[in-house]
Each structure stands twice: as structure tokens, then as C-alpha cells.
Protein backbone atom coordinates (compact mmCIF):
# COMPACT_ATOMS: atom_id res chain seq x y z
CA MET A 1 5.40 3.18 -24.39
CA LYS A 2 7.36 6.39 -24.45
CA SER A 3 10.81 7.07 -25.93
CA THR A 4 11.94 8.70 -22.70
CA LYS A 5 11.45 5.53 -20.63
CA ALA A 6 15.12 5.22 -19.60
CA THR A 7 15.31 8.86 -18.49
CA LEU A 8 12.05 8.61 -16.54
CA LEU A 9 13.25 5.42 -14.84
CA VAL A 10 16.37 7.25 -13.62
CA LEU A 11 14.26 10.19 -12.39
CA SER A 12 11.90 7.84 -10.58
CA ILE A 13 14.82 6.12 -8.85
CA ILE A 14 16.29 9.49 -7.83
CA ALA A 15 12.94 10.59 -6.40
CA LEU A 16 12.56 7.33 -4.48
CA LEU A 17 16.08 7.68 -3.07
CA ALA A 18 15.31 11.25 -2.02
CA LEU A 19 12.22 10.04 -0.14
CA THR A 20 14.32 7.30 1.47
CA MET A 21 16.92 9.81 2.64
CA PHE A 22 14.20 12.00 4.13
CA LEU A 23 12.61 9.09 5.98
CA THR A 24 15.88 7.99 7.52
CA GLY A 25 16.52 11.53 8.69
CA CYS A 26 13.34 11.64 10.79
CA SER A 27 13.75 11.88 14.56
CA LEU A 28 13.09 8.74 16.63
CA PHE A 29 11.77 8.65 20.19
CA GLN A 30 12.34 6.26 23.06
CA SER A 31 9.29 4.06 23.70
CA SER A 32 7.97 3.08 27.11
CA THR A 33 5.65 0.35 25.79
CA THR A 34 6.47 -3.34 26.16
CA THR A 35 7.85 -4.50 22.84
CA VAL A 36 7.71 -7.85 21.12
CA THR A 37 10.99 -8.23 19.24
CA ALA A 38 11.50 -10.27 16.11
CA PRO A 39 14.07 -13.08 16.49
CA SER A 40 17.14 -12.17 14.47
CA THR A 41 18.02 -15.71 13.40
CA THR A 42 14.67 -17.47 13.01
CA GLN A 43 13.01 -17.68 9.61
CA SER A 44 10.77 -19.98 7.62
CA THR A 45 12.26 -22.57 5.32
CA THR A 46 12.00 -21.41 1.71
CA ALA A 47 11.35 -23.56 -1.32
CA THR A 48 13.82 -23.40 -4.20
CA THR A 49 11.46 -24.72 -6.86
CA GLN A 50 8.01 -23.60 -7.88
CA ALA A 51 5.03 -25.51 -6.54
CA PRO A 52 1.32 -25.21 -7.31
CA GLY A 53 -0.72 -22.96 -5.05
CA THR A 54 -4.30 -23.49 -4.03
CA SER A 55 -7.32 -22.64 -6.13
CA GLY A 56 -10.57 -20.84 -5.46
CA PRO A 57 -12.07 -17.35 -5.40
CA PRO A 58 -10.10 -14.51 -3.82
CA ASP A 59 -10.80 -13.47 -0.24
CA THR A 60 -12.14 -9.97 0.24
CA GLY A 61 -12.20 -7.63 3.20
CA ALA A 62 -9.10 -6.23 4.87
CA ALA A 63 -6.67 -8.85 3.57
CA MET A 64 -5.00 -6.63 0.96
CA PHE A 65 -3.78 -3.09 0.39
CA ARG A 66 -6.73 -0.63 0.48
CA ALA A 67 -9.00 -3.47 1.73
CA ASN A 68 -10.48 -4.57 -1.62
CA PRO A 69 -9.56 -4.96 -5.32
CA GLU A 70 -11.20 -1.61 -6.18
CA HIS A 71 -8.95 0.05 -3.57
CA THR A 72 -11.73 2.15 -2.04
CA GLY A 73 -10.04 2.02 1.38
CA ILE A 74 -13.20 0.95 3.25
CA TYR A 75 -12.55 -1.43 6.16
CA PRO A 76 -15.84 -3.03 7.23
CA SER A 77 -14.93 -4.47 10.63
CA GLY A 78 -14.51 -1.16 12.46
CA GLY A 79 -11.75 0.95 13.98
CA PRO A 80 -11.50 2.50 17.44
CA MET A 81 -13.85 5.35 18.26
CA GLN A 82 -11.34 6.45 20.91
CA ALA A 83 -7.65 5.61 21.31
CA SER A 84 -6.73 4.55 24.85
CA GLY A 85 -3.20 3.35 24.17
CA VAL A 86 -0.87 0.86 22.52
CA LEU A 87 -2.21 -2.68 22.73
CA TRP A 88 1.19 -4.00 21.67
CA LYS A 89 4.05 -3.19 19.35
CA PHE A 90 6.32 -5.50 17.40
CA GLN A 91 9.90 -4.52 16.68
CA THR A 92 11.31 -5.64 13.35
CA GLY A 93 14.86 -6.88 12.91
CA ASP A 94 18.12 -5.01 12.86
CA THR A 95 19.88 -6.67 9.93
CA LYS A 96 21.33 -3.91 7.79
CA ILE A 97 20.03 -4.45 4.29
CA ASP A 98 19.77 -0.84 3.15
CA THR A 99 19.62 2.70 4.50
CA ASN A 100 16.01 2.29 5.64
CA ASN A 101 17.03 -0.49 8.06
CA GLY A 102 13.99 -2.13 9.64
CA LEU A 103 11.45 0.62 8.95
CA PRO A 104 7.98 -0.91 8.42
CA TRP A 105 6.52 0.74 5.35
CA SER A 106 4.35 -2.13 4.14
CA CYS A 107 0.64 -1.77 4.95
CA PRO A 108 -0.56 -4.66 7.15
CA ALA A 109 -3.04 -7.22 5.89
CA ILE A 110 -5.33 -8.70 8.54
CA TYR A 111 -6.85 -12.14 8.13
CA ASN A 112 -8.22 -14.73 10.59
CA GLY A 113 -6.62 -13.20 13.68
CA VAL A 114 -3.20 -12.61 12.13
CA VAL A 115 -1.46 -9.44 10.96
CA TYR A 116 0.81 -9.88 7.94
CA PHE A 117 3.31 -7.20 6.90
CA GLY A 118 6.75 -6.62 5.41
CA ALA A 119 9.66 -4.56 6.68
CA ALA A 120 12.90 -3.01 5.46
CA ASP A 121 14.90 -5.73 7.22
CA GLY A 122 13.86 -8.01 4.36
CA TYR A 123 11.34 -10.11 6.29
CA VAL A 124 7.65 -10.82 5.90
CA TYR A 125 6.08 -11.27 9.35
CA ALA A 126 2.95 -12.99 10.63
CA VAL A 127 1.92 -11.69 14.07
CA ASP A 128 -0.98 -12.57 16.37
CA VAL A 129 -3.54 -9.72 16.51
CA GLN A 130 -4.20 -10.22 20.22
CA ASN A 131 -0.72 -10.12 21.71
CA GLY A 132 1.75 -9.25 18.95
CA GLN A 133 3.53 -12.59 19.22
CA GLN A 134 5.27 -13.75 16.06
CA LYS A 135 3.78 -16.80 14.37
CA TRP A 136 6.30 -17.03 11.55
CA ASN A 137 8.62 -14.98 9.39
CA PHE A 138 10.04 -15.34 5.90
CA LYS A 139 13.25 -13.75 4.67
CA THR A 140 13.48 -12.24 1.21
CA GLY A 141 16.62 -10.89 -0.42
CA LYS A 142 15.97 -7.18 0.23
CA SER A 143 13.54 -4.77 1.85
CA VAL A 144 9.80 -5.42 1.65
CA TRP A 145 7.91 -2.19 0.90
CA SER A 146 5.11 -4.03 -0.86
CA SER A 147 1.94 -4.75 1.13
CA PRO A 148 0.81 -8.38 1.36
CA ALA A 149 -2.42 -9.69 -0.16
CA VAL A 150 -4.11 -12.86 1.12
CA SER A 151 -6.20 -15.19 -1.00
CA ASP A 152 -7.25 -18.82 -0.52
CA GLY A 153 -4.54 -19.89 1.89
CA THR A 154 -1.73 -17.99 0.18
CA LEU A 155 0.02 -14.70 0.91
CA PHE A 156 1.37 -12.73 -2.05
CA VAL A 157 3.97 -10.00 -1.60
CA GLY A 158 6.71 -8.26 -3.56
CA SER A 159 10.25 -7.52 -2.46
CA ASP A 160 12.97 -5.11 -3.46
CA ASP A 161 14.93 -8.21 -4.54
CA ALA A 162 12.71 -8.14 -7.69
CA TYR A 163 10.65 -11.23 -6.76
CA LEU A 164 6.92 -11.65 -6.26
CA TYR A 165 6.48 -14.34 -3.59
CA ALA A 166 3.63 -16.73 -2.86
CA LEU A 167 3.83 -18.03 0.73
CA ASP A 168 1.79 -20.61 2.60
CA LEU A 169 -0.42 -18.70 5.00
CA GLN A 170 -0.04 -21.14 7.89
CA GLY A 171 3.71 -21.60 8.06
CA GLY A 172 5.20 -18.99 5.76
CA THR A 173 6.91 -21.51 3.49
CA GLU A 174 7.48 -20.55 -0.13
CA LYS A 175 5.08 -21.96 -2.73
CA TRP A 176 6.61 -20.17 -5.68
CA LYS A 177 8.39 -16.98 -6.62
CA PHE A 178 8.25 -14.95 -9.81
CA LYS A 179 11.21 -12.85 -10.94
CA THR A 180 10.94 -9.39 -12.44
CA LEU A 181 13.91 -7.30 -13.53
CA TYR A 182 13.91 -4.73 -10.72
CA GLY A 183 12.67 -4.22 -7.17
CA ILE A 184 8.93 -4.38 -6.39
CA VAL A 185 7.37 -1.58 -4.32
CA SER A 186 3.89 -2.05 -5.78
CA SER A 187 1.39 -4.05 -3.70
CA PRO A 188 -0.24 -7.04 -5.40
CA VAL A 189 -3.97 -7.41 -5.95
CA ILE A 190 -5.73 -10.71 -6.72
CA ALA A 191 -8.79 -11.13 -8.90
CA ASN A 192 -10.15 -14.25 -10.64
CA GLY A 193 -7.06 -16.32 -9.93
CA ILE A 194 -4.60 -13.73 -11.25
CA VAL A 195 -2.08 -11.67 -9.26
CA TYR A 196 -1.41 -8.19 -10.64
CA VAL A 197 1.67 -6.26 -9.52
CA GLY A 198 3.95 -3.51 -10.78
CA SER A 199 7.73 -3.57 -10.83
CA GLY A 200 10.56 -1.07 -10.90
CA ASP A 201 11.50 -2.53 -14.30
CA GLY A 202 8.64 -0.52 -15.82
CA TYR A 203 6.09 -3.29 -16.31
CA LEU A 204 2.79 -4.35 -14.80
CA TYR A 205 2.64 -8.15 -14.53
CA ALA A 206 -0.26 -10.59 -14.49
CA VAL A 207 0.78 -13.86 -12.82
CA ASP A 208 -1.20 -17.07 -12.32
CA ALA A 209 -1.96 -17.30 -8.59
CA GLN A 210 -1.66 -21.11 -8.54
CA THR A 211 1.51 -21.68 -10.51
CA GLY A 212 3.41 -18.38 -10.52
CA THR A 213 3.62 -18.37 -14.32
CA GLN A 214 3.34 -15.13 -16.27
CA LYS A 215 0.10 -14.58 -18.18
CA TRP A 216 1.07 -11.22 -19.63
CA LYS A 217 2.98 -8.01 -18.93
CA VAL A 218 2.37 -4.47 -20.10
CA ASP A 219 4.78 -1.56 -20.39
CA GLY A 220 4.15 1.20 -17.85
CA GLY A 221 6.70 3.56 -19.40
CA SER A 222 8.91 3.67 -16.31
CA ALA A 223 8.97 2.22 -12.77
CA VAL A 224 5.48 1.01 -11.79
CA ASN A 225 5.40 1.66 -8.03
CA SER A 226 1.67 2.36 -8.04
CA SER A 227 -0.45 -0.55 -6.84
CA PRO A 228 -3.04 -1.72 -9.38
CA ALA A 229 -6.79 -1.68 -8.79
CA VAL A 230 -9.18 -4.10 -10.50
CA PHE A 231 -12.78 -3.39 -11.42
CA GLU A 232 -15.14 -5.16 -13.85
CA GLY A 233 -12.44 -6.77 -15.99
CA THR A 234 -10.08 -3.80 -16.10
CA VAL A 235 -6.81 -3.14 -14.29
CA TYR A 236 -5.97 0.49 -13.47
CA PHE A 237 -2.48 1.64 -12.45
CA GLY A 238 -0.12 4.59 -12.46
CA GLY A 239 3.22 4.68 -14.24
CA GLY A 240 6.50 6.40 -13.57
CA ASP A 241 6.13 7.95 -17.03
CA THR A 242 3.35 10.23 -15.62
CA TYR A 243 0.45 8.28 -17.18
CA VAL A 244 -2.53 6.51 -15.64
CA TYR A 245 -3.36 3.32 -17.54
CA ALA A 246 -6.37 1.07 -18.01
CA VAL A 247 -5.73 -2.42 -19.44
CA ASP A 248 -7.82 -5.52 -19.99
CA ALA A 249 -7.50 -7.84 -16.99
CA GLN A 250 -7.34 -11.00 -19.11
CA THR A 251 -5.11 -9.91 -21.98
CA GLY A 252 -3.24 -6.80 -20.83
CA LYS A 253 -4.45 -4.90 -23.91
CA GLN A 254 -4.46 -1.16 -23.30
CA LYS A 255 -7.89 0.50 -23.14
CA TRP A 256 -6.71 4.03 -22.46
CA ALA A 257 -3.88 6.12 -21.06
CA LEU A 258 -4.24 9.51 -19.39
CA PRO A 259 -1.24 11.84 -18.98
CA THR A 260 -0.60 13.69 -15.73
CA GLY A 261 2.17 16.17 -15.04
CA ALA A 262 4.47 13.98 -12.93
CA VAL A 263 5.17 10.46 -11.68
CA VAL A 264 2.13 8.55 -10.37
CA TRP A 265 2.91 6.70 -7.10
CA SER A 266 -0.67 6.99 -5.86
CA SER A 267 -2.77 3.88 -6.42
CA PRO A 268 -6.07 4.35 -8.27
CA ALA A 269 -9.40 3.80 -6.53
CA VAL A 270 -12.52 2.90 -8.50
CA SER A 271 -16.12 3.66 -7.56
CA ASP A 272 -19.35 4.19 -9.54
CA GLY A 273 -17.64 4.18 -12.92
CA THR A 274 -14.95 6.68 -11.93
CA VAL A 275 -11.23 6.25 -11.28
CA TYR A 276 -9.73 8.55 -8.65
CA VAL A 277 -5.94 8.93 -8.53
CA GLY A 278 -3.31 11.38 -7.29
CA SER A 279 -0.08 12.45 -8.96
CA TYR A 280 3.14 14.15 -7.94
CA ASP A 281 1.98 17.08 -10.08
CA THR A 282 -0.15 18.01 -6.97
CA PHE A 283 -3.51 17.08 -8.55
CA LEU A 284 -6.19 14.59 -7.55
CA ARG A 285 -8.07 13.50 -10.68
CA ALA A 286 -11.43 11.91 -11.41
CA VAL A 287 -11.39 9.91 -14.65
CA ASP A 288 -14.15 8.09 -16.51
CA ALA A 289 -13.39 4.39 -16.00
CA GLU A 290 -14.54 3.41 -19.51
CA THR A 291 -13.14 6.19 -21.67
CA GLY A 292 -10.23 7.62 -19.71
CA LYS A 293 -11.64 11.13 -20.06
CA GLU A 294 -10.86 13.44 -17.16
CA LYS A 295 -13.98 14.58 -15.31
CA TRP A 296 -12.33 17.02 -12.93
CA ASN A 297 -9.10 17.75 -11.10
CA PHE A 298 -8.39 19.16 -7.67
CA LYS A 299 -5.14 20.89 -6.80
CA THR A 300 -3.37 20.37 -3.48
CA GLY A 301 -0.33 22.25 -2.22
CA ASP A 302 2.27 19.59 -3.04
CA GLY A 303 2.79 16.18 -4.64
CA ILE A 304 0.45 13.29 -3.85
CA ALA A 305 1.83 9.85 -2.96
CA SER A 306 -1.24 8.96 -0.87
CA SER A 307 -3.90 6.74 -2.44
CA PRO A 308 -7.49 8.02 -2.29
CA ALA A 309 -10.36 6.48 -0.32
CA ILE A 310 -14.01 6.87 -1.32
CA ALA A 311 -17.24 6.82 0.72
CA ASN A 312 -20.59 8.64 0.79
CA GLY A 313 -19.89 10.76 -2.26
CA THR A 314 -16.55 11.98 -0.94
CA VAL A 315 -12.95 11.29 -1.96
CA PHE A 316 -10.31 11.46 0.78
CA VAL A 317 -6.60 11.85 0.04
CA GLY A 318 -3.43 12.98 1.78
CA SER A 319 -0.82 15.31 0.30
CA ASN A 320 2.81 16.16 0.90
CA ASP A 321 1.54 19.61 1.90
CA THR A 322 0.57 18.08 5.32
CA TYR A 323 -3.20 18.09 4.70
CA LEU A 324 -5.90 15.44 4.52
CA TYR A 325 -8.50 16.56 1.95
CA ALA A 326 -12.16 15.67 1.52
CA VAL A 327 -13.37 16.36 -2.02
CA ASP A 328 -16.85 15.99 -3.53
CA SER A 329 -16.71 12.93 -5.81
CA GLN A 330 -19.04 14.47 -8.40
CA THR A 331 -17.81 18.04 -8.63
CA GLY A 332 -14.21 17.96 -7.40
CA LYS A 333 -14.95 20.77 -4.94
CA GLU A 334 -13.30 20.78 -1.52
CA LYS A 335 -15.59 19.85 1.39
CA TRP A 336 -13.03 20.20 4.14
CA LYS A 337 -9.34 19.76 4.93
CA LEU A 338 -7.42 18.84 8.07
CA GLN A 339 -3.84 19.90 8.63
CA THR A 340 -1.40 17.51 10.28
CA GLY A 341 2.09 18.32 11.51
CA GLY A 342 3.96 16.54 8.73
CA VAL A 343 3.93 15.13 5.21
CA VAL A 344 1.01 12.74 4.55
CA TRP A 345 2.30 9.83 2.45
CA CYS A 346 -0.14 7.58 4.28
CA SER A 347 -3.34 6.57 2.47
CA PRO A 348 -6.57 7.30 4.39
CA VAL A 349 -8.82 4.42 5.44
CA ILE A 350 -12.52 4.54 6.25
CA SER A 351 -14.46 2.60 8.85
CA ASP A 352 -17.91 3.45 10.16
CA ASN A 353 -18.10 7.27 10.29
CA LEU A 354 -14.40 7.94 10.71
CA VAL A 355 -11.44 8.52 8.41
CA TYR A 356 -8.09 7.35 9.78
CA ILE A 357 -4.80 8.81 8.57
CA GLY A 358 -1.16 8.73 9.65
CA SER A 359 1.40 11.50 9.22
CA ALA A 360 5.15 11.98 9.30
CA ASP A 361 4.51 13.97 12.51
CA SER A 362 4.12 10.55 14.29
CA TYR A 363 0.37 10.93 14.92
CA ILE A 364 -2.57 8.77 13.94
CA TYR A 365 -5.63 10.95 13.34
CA ALA A 366 -9.30 9.89 13.51
CA VAL A 367 -11.52 12.39 11.71
CA ASP A 368 -15.28 12.71 11.33
CA LEU A 369 -16.23 11.61 7.83
CA GLN A 370 -18.77 14.39 7.25
CA THR A 371 -17.36 17.41 9.03
CA GLY A 372 -13.58 16.92 9.10
CA GLN A 373 -13.58 17.42 12.86
CA GLU A 374 -10.70 15.72 14.60
CA LYS A 375 -12.12 13.10 16.98
CA TRP A 376 -8.81 12.00 18.43
CA LYS A 377 -5.13 11.73 17.66
CA PHE A 378 -2.51 9.41 19.09
CA LYS A 379 1.25 9.83 18.97
CA LEU A 380 3.62 6.97 18.15
CA ASP A 381 7.37 6.94 18.73
CA GLY A 382 8.17 7.58 15.07
CA GLY A 383 6.71 9.05 11.90
CA ILE A 384 4.23 7.15 9.75
CA SER A 385 5.12 6.66 6.09
CA GLY A 386 3.09 3.55 5.30
CA SER A 387 -0.65 3.10 5.31
CA LEU A 388 -2.95 2.00 8.11
CA ALA A 389 -5.25 -0.99 8.47
CA VAL A 390 -8.16 -1.19 10.90
CA ALA A 391 -10.03 -4.23 12.22
CA GLY A 392 -11.88 -5.19 15.40
CA GLY A 393 -11.57 -1.76 16.97
CA VAL A 394 -7.77 -1.59 16.48
CA VAL A 395 -5.54 0.47 14.17
CA TYR A 396 -2.42 -1.28 12.85
CA THR A 397 0.46 0.65 11.32
CA GLY A 398 4.21 0.60 10.90
CA SER A 399 6.36 3.47 12.11
CA LEU A 400 9.79 4.91 11.33
CA ASP A 401 11.00 3.61 14.71
CA ARG A 402 10.99 0.06 13.17
CA ASN A 403 7.87 -1.05 15.05
CA LEU A 404 4.46 -2.27 13.97
CA TYR A 405 1.85 -0.80 16.36
CA ALA A 406 -1.59 -2.00 17.42
CA VAL A 407 -3.48 0.99 18.83
CA LYS A 408 -6.81 0.51 20.56
């Protein structure tokens, strides 16, 4: 869409590499908790040809990034009111694929008693929510930063090997895979039988959930690492070319495009006719979902990679300036802010009256929704760069020490 696409793609890659170098430089701590370790040689059998998936309406709830297609970040089944300790932790593999060896960055999806997530060792894992025991794994060609989405017996996830995968939910076998031209960091979302996902090749793709065939693709100007949100027939996503886009969910036809001042890694959230999205230009924006007109903007102290959550007239978002912010959804005025001890790439999640957030300082924070008062915090053995999921009174998150944690 822009003549500077090639330059912006290079800048996006440089920025992503810089973030990778920072993450691998974080200190790691020795854990005293019993660890479930991933087998280094066991993996699911993969299919080499495409096969039809299953049909039916998409599942909702906590089985995708940000919990629902609108990406509001509301998890209905409840998180812990207090944190007593680590229920279990699962150590990912040690196969050296890239410099972020084994660091879980993918946000877990939780469905029917199983936690699904990807890791930098190139595997997608399915783990029992009760005891952390592995049910199956599937090996891709490179790291899996993308967060899985579950719909109608199928798990969809992207990989840095440039493929979008559809896996059988029960055994982890491959149903089909769809090739893009560059690695996928974006997390897929499913709506009305279509999988939407961005790619580092600069396009947003719409793929048939049953067959894995492309329905359309739209140019995002540069690497599309933002995860799309879907609301009332429109797909919203951020581009590496600094724009936020709205396109028709069926055709991919552009409805509007709003410029920001920097790359958009934050994933949009949609509520009450408004799109909320952060940018690396330090601003959180509220945008009219129909027209693309900016309603307000709120400045933080640094770039925003965190994706906003919305509840009770308040927008919550993390910033690289170490703060979690609560902003009035109508006026864009700050209600409160909570400082953590590190960068907040993590996207906040909401359950009951609490906001949960992770930080590069290794802590999970539980914060009162209305007042911003810290209710509790719990330290892991490594920093948190990916986003949390909550279900059944447990917080699930990956850490820079290569473990997925269940904290209760």
C-alpha cells in the first residue's frame, strides 16, 4: 500500500531482532518447583498433504488469543483471587532453533481441560491443566511465537517457518498447512469458518478453516505481526507500515486506514463501536470502528506492544515504560496506573474484578479493576514477555526461563 514497504519491512525485522536480543539477555533464576519436561525426541506424526478439517461454528471463550474474536481480553471462567504457589510448570525443549531457544512467548489457549501453546523450540504443546503432563506435541520448522486458536476440533497456529498449521485437537496430527512468504508471529482468529492471520511477508490472509485454501489476502504495507480482531463483518489489524486497517471480512476490501507514528505490534480490541489499539509511537488510540476517525489518543512513556483489554468503561494496556494503564474508554483520560519493575510487553487480561498482567521483572500482578490497587504479585523464575491466560482459578503463562507456569 505504501511505496516504502521494503524499507519498513527491514526496519520491522531490525526492531524484532532488537527485542529478541533483549529477551535473551534477561537474567534467569534457578527454580525449586517440580518440573514436567518435554520429551526431546517425541512428536506427533505430521501429514504431508492437505486434508479437510471439520465444519461448524467457532468456539468462543478462552480458546484463542485475547479470549474472543473482538480481543477484549475478558476471561469468563475466573482467575485466582490470591496466589498460593506454582501448581506445576512445564519445561519446553532444548533444541537450538534460534537465539530465543525454548522461550515460551505464545499465549496459551485453554480448552476442555488442556492448555495449548507454542514455544521457541519449534513445538506446539498440549498439556493437561491439572498436572502439567504432556498429551501431545507437534514440531514445526521454526519457533512458534503465534498463539493457538481452537475451533471445532481443530487447533490453528502460525510458525516462524512461514506456515499456518491446522492440527487435530485430540492427537496433534496435521490436517493441513498454508504457506506464506515469511515467518508468522501474528496469532490467528477464527470467525464464520475463516481463519485470519498476519504474516511477516506484509499480508493479512483469510484462509478457509476446513480446507486451508486462501480466500483472499490484503497488503498490510510491511510485516503484519499484529493479531487481527473480528467484529460485525470487519477485520481490524495493525501493520508494520504504521497504519491500522479495517477490511471486509468476506472480501478483504479496505474500509479505512488510520496512520500512527510507528509500527503497530499491538492487536486491536473492539467494543461498543470503537477500536482500541496501541502503537510504538507511545500512543493508545480510540478509533471509530465504522469510519476510522480517531476519537482520542493517550500518551504513555514509551512504545506499546501490549494489546488493550476493555471492561466497565475502561481500557487497560501495558507499555514499555513499565506501567499498566487504566484509561477511560469514552474520554481517553487516565484513571490510574501501576508501575511494575520491568517492560510490559504482556497484554492485560480481565476476570471478575481483577486485571492480570505480567512484566519483564518476572512478576505476575493482580490488580483491582476499579482502583488500580495491587491485590497480589507472584514471582516466576524468569521474565514474562508473552501474554497470560486465566481459567478455573489458575493463571497460565510462559516465562523467559523456558517454562510454562500454572499459578494458583
